[in-house]
């Protein structure tokens, strides 16, 4: 699966005490049908984060998406809570727990936990690697994942 999103920052921690953003997301079908949807799946995400002293951050995400399967479309909800800590100027470690409300049509919620590392490359790219374990019967027993994110800032912003 490959995804693209457009995130808009609504609140800033310096002024409001938390960072708050909303993002429009499109997940695109890439790869094996075992790991991706059969269609272009739109969604929306609300992200809230707070950074504390010593490089510690707490983030939560709420997400809703219209997901495609063989029977058509269904709505999928997800929520996550992540704690991260800067380990150096470019590397951070994180641990998260998340719940996907309906991983596939008709299934009950899948709860998983994961931990990993993220590395910034320059000022606009991040690489991450993590592993996790499902905590409910419908979640994957064990999984490993890697990804990257590239952000494009409006003209004139660093």
Protein backbone atom coordinates (compact mmCIF):
# COMPACT_ATOMS: atom_id res chain seq x y z
CA UNK A 1 0.00 0.00 0.00
CA UNK A 2 1.13 3.53 -0.73
CA UNK A 3 -0.54 6.57 0.80
CA UNK A 4 -0.53 10.27 0.22
CA UNK A 5 -1.91 12.93 2.50
CA UNK A 6 -2.34 16.65 2.79
CA UNK A 7 -1.97 17.82 6.38
CA UNK A 8 -3.04 21.24 7.65
CA UNK A 9 -1.88 22.46 11.05
CA UNK A 10 -4.75 24.00 13.02
CA UNK A 11 -3.12 24.67 16.41
CA UNK A 12 0.48 25.18 17.51
CA UNK A 13 1.87 24.06 20.88
CA UNK A 14 3.55 27.44 21.49
CA UNK A 15 0.16 29.17 21.41
CA UNK A 16 -2.42 26.48 22.26
CA UNK A 17 -0.47 24.00 24.40
CA UNK A 18 -0.79 21.22 21.78
CA UNK A 19 -0.17 20.73 18.09
CA UNK A 20 -3.36 19.84 16.24
CA UNK A 21 -3.63 18.95 12.56
CA UNK A 22 -6.17 17.47 10.18
CA UNK A 23 -5.18 15.44 7.12
CA UNK A 24 -6.96 14.18 4.04
CA UNK A 25 -5.51 10.78 3.05
CA UNK A 26 -5.69 8.53 0.00
CA UNK A 27 -4.39 4.96 0.27
CA UNK A 28 -3.50 3.52 -3.13
CA UNK A 29 -3.46 -0.16 -4.10
CA UNK A 30 0.18 -1.16 -4.50
CA UNK A 31 1.55 -4.67 -4.06
CA UNK A 32 0.00 -8.00 -3.19
CA UNK A 33 -3.75 -8.20 -2.53
CA UNK A 34 -2.92 -9.75 0.87
CA UNK A 35 -1.46 -6.41 2.00
CA UNK A 36 -3.48 -3.77 0.18
CA UNK A 37 -6.99 -2.80 -0.78
CA UNK A 38 -8.31 -3.24 -4.32
CA UNK A 39 -9.23 0.44 -4.67
CA UNK A 40 -8.23 3.99 -3.88
CA UNK A 41 -9.37 4.50 -0.31
CA UNK A 42 -9.95 8.05 0.97
CA UNK A 43 -9.86 8.98 4.62
CA UNK A 44 -9.43 11.74 7.16
CA UNK A 45 -7.12 11.88 10.17
CA UNK A 46 -6.99 14.20 13.18
CA UNK A 47 -3.60 14.26 14.92
CA UNK A 48 -2.81 15.86 18.28
CA UNK A 49 0.66 15.99 19.81
CA UNK A 50 2.43 17.49 22.78
CA UNK A 51 6.19 17.67 23.30
CA UNK A 52 7.52 17.65 26.85
CA UNK A 53 11.03 18.24 28.18
CA UNK A 54 13.95 15.91 27.39
CA UNK A 55 12.66 15.13 23.87
CA UNK A 56 9.60 13.19 25.07
CA UNK A 57 6.43 13.44 22.93
CA UNK A 58 2.93 12.04 23.19
CA UNK A 59 0.76 11.78 20.07
CA UNK A 60 -2.75 10.53 19.36
CA UNK A 61 -4.42 9.99 16.00
CA UNK A 62 -8.08 9.46 15.15
CA UNK A 63 -8.78 8.21 11.65
CA UNK A 64 -11.77 7.25 9.48
CA UNK A 65 -11.52 5.78 5.99
CA UNK A 66 -13.70 4.37 3.24
CA UNK A 67 -12.05 1.01 2.46
CA UNK A 68 -12.60 -1.16 -0.62
CA UNK A 69 -13.07 -4.93 -0.56
CA UNK A 70 -14.69 -7.49 -2.90
CA UNK A 71 -18.20 -6.56 -1.65
CA UNK A 72 -17.74 -2.81 -2.16
CA UNK A 73 -16.85 -0.19 0.45
CA UNK A 74 -17.08 -0.10 4.22
CA UNK A 75 -16.05 2.42 6.87
CA UNK A 76 -12.98 1.74 8.97
CA UNK A 77 -12.03 3.68 12.12
CA UNK A 78 -8.69 3.70 13.90
CA UNK A 79 -7.18 5.30 16.99
CA UNK A 80 -3.56 5.30 18.16
CA UNK A 81 -1.48 6.55 21.07
CA UNK A 82 2.27 6.94 20.59
CA UNK A 83 5.06 7.93 22.96
CA UNK A 84 8.39 8.87 21.42
CA UNK A 85 11.73 10.04 22.73
CA UNK A 86 14.61 11.70 20.93
CA UNK A 87 17.72 9.53 21.18
CA UNK A 88 19.93 11.89 19.18
CA UNK A 89 19.51 14.89 16.88
CA UNK A 90 18.26 12.62 14.05
CA UNK A 91 17.02 9.39 15.69
CA UNK A 92 14.05 8.77 17.96
CA UNK A 93 12.53 5.67 19.50
CA UNK A 94 8.81 5.14 19.85
CA UNK A 95 6.20 2.78 21.27
CA UNK A 96 2.55 2.77 20.30
CA UNK A 97 -0.72 1.01 20.82
CA UNK A 98 -3.50 1.22 18.28
CA UNK A 99 -6.92 -0.14 17.46
CA UNK A 100 -8.45 -0.62 14.03
CA UNK A 101 -12.21 -0.79 14.47
CA UNK A 102 -12.98 -3.10 11.56
CA UNK A 103 -9.81 -4.42 9.87
CA UNK A 104 -11.92 -6.25 7.27
CA UNK A 105 -15.66 -6.26 6.74
CA UNK A 106 -17.48 -7.95 9.62
CA UNK A 107 -14.47 -8.36 11.91
CA UNK A 108 -14.29 -6.90 15.40
CA UNK A 109 -11.54 -4.51 16.46
CA UNK A 110 -7.89 -5.38 16.12
CA UNK A 111 -5.58 -4.05 18.83
CA UNK A 112 -1.79 -4.08 18.37
CA UNK A 113 1.29 -2.64 19.98
CA UNK A 114 4.56 -1.77 18.27
CA UNK A 115 7.93 -0.19 18.93
CA UNK A 116 10.61 1.10 16.63
CA UNK A 117 12.94 3.82 15.49
CA UNK A 118 12.62 6.83 13.22
CA UNK A 119 15.45 8.73 11.56
CA UNK A 120 15.19 12.13 9.96
CA UNK A 121 17.13 12.67 6.74
CA UNK A 122 17.56 16.37 6.04
CA UNK A 123 14.68 18.60 7.05
CA UNK A 124 11.91 17.03 4.95
CA UNK A 125 12.29 13.23 5.05
CA UNK A 126 11.89 10.53 7.70
CA UNK A 127 12.64 6.80 7.61
CA UNK A 128 11.15 4.40 10.13
CA UNK A 129 11.44 0.74 11.09
CA UNK A 130 9.24 -0.98 13.65
CA UNK A 131 7.96 -4.34 14.85
CA UNK A 132 4.85 -5.24 16.76
CA UNK A 133 2.47 -7.81 18.10
CA UNK A 134 -1.28 -8.20 17.90
CA UNK A 135 -3.15 -8.20 21.19
CA UNK A 136 -6.49 -9.51 19.89
CA UNK A 137 -7.41 -12.56 17.82
CA UNK A 138 -8.06 -10.60 14.59
CA UNK A 139 -4.76 -8.67 14.77
CA UNK A 140 -1.57 -10.00 13.16
CA UNK A 141 0.41 -12.13 15.61
CA UNK A 142 3.76 -10.46 14.79
CA UNK A 143 4.72 -7.93 12.14
CA UNK A 144 7.65 -5.86 10.92
CA UNK A 145 7.28 -2.70 8.86
CA UNK A 146 9.40 0.01 7.30
CA UNK A 147 8.42 3.26 5.71
CA UNK A 148 9.40 6.72 4.69
CA UNK A 149 7.70 10.08 4.63
CA UNK A 150 8.54 13.15 2.57
CA UNK A 151 6.97 16.46 3.37
CA UNK A 152 6.63 19.44 1.11
CA UNK A 153 6.37 22.76 2.86
CA UNK A 154 4.67 25.82 1.37
CA UNK A 155 7.04 28.21 -0.44
CA UNK A 156 9.09 30.33 1.90
CA UNK A 157 8.92 27.93 4.88
CA UNK A 158 11.85 25.79 6.07
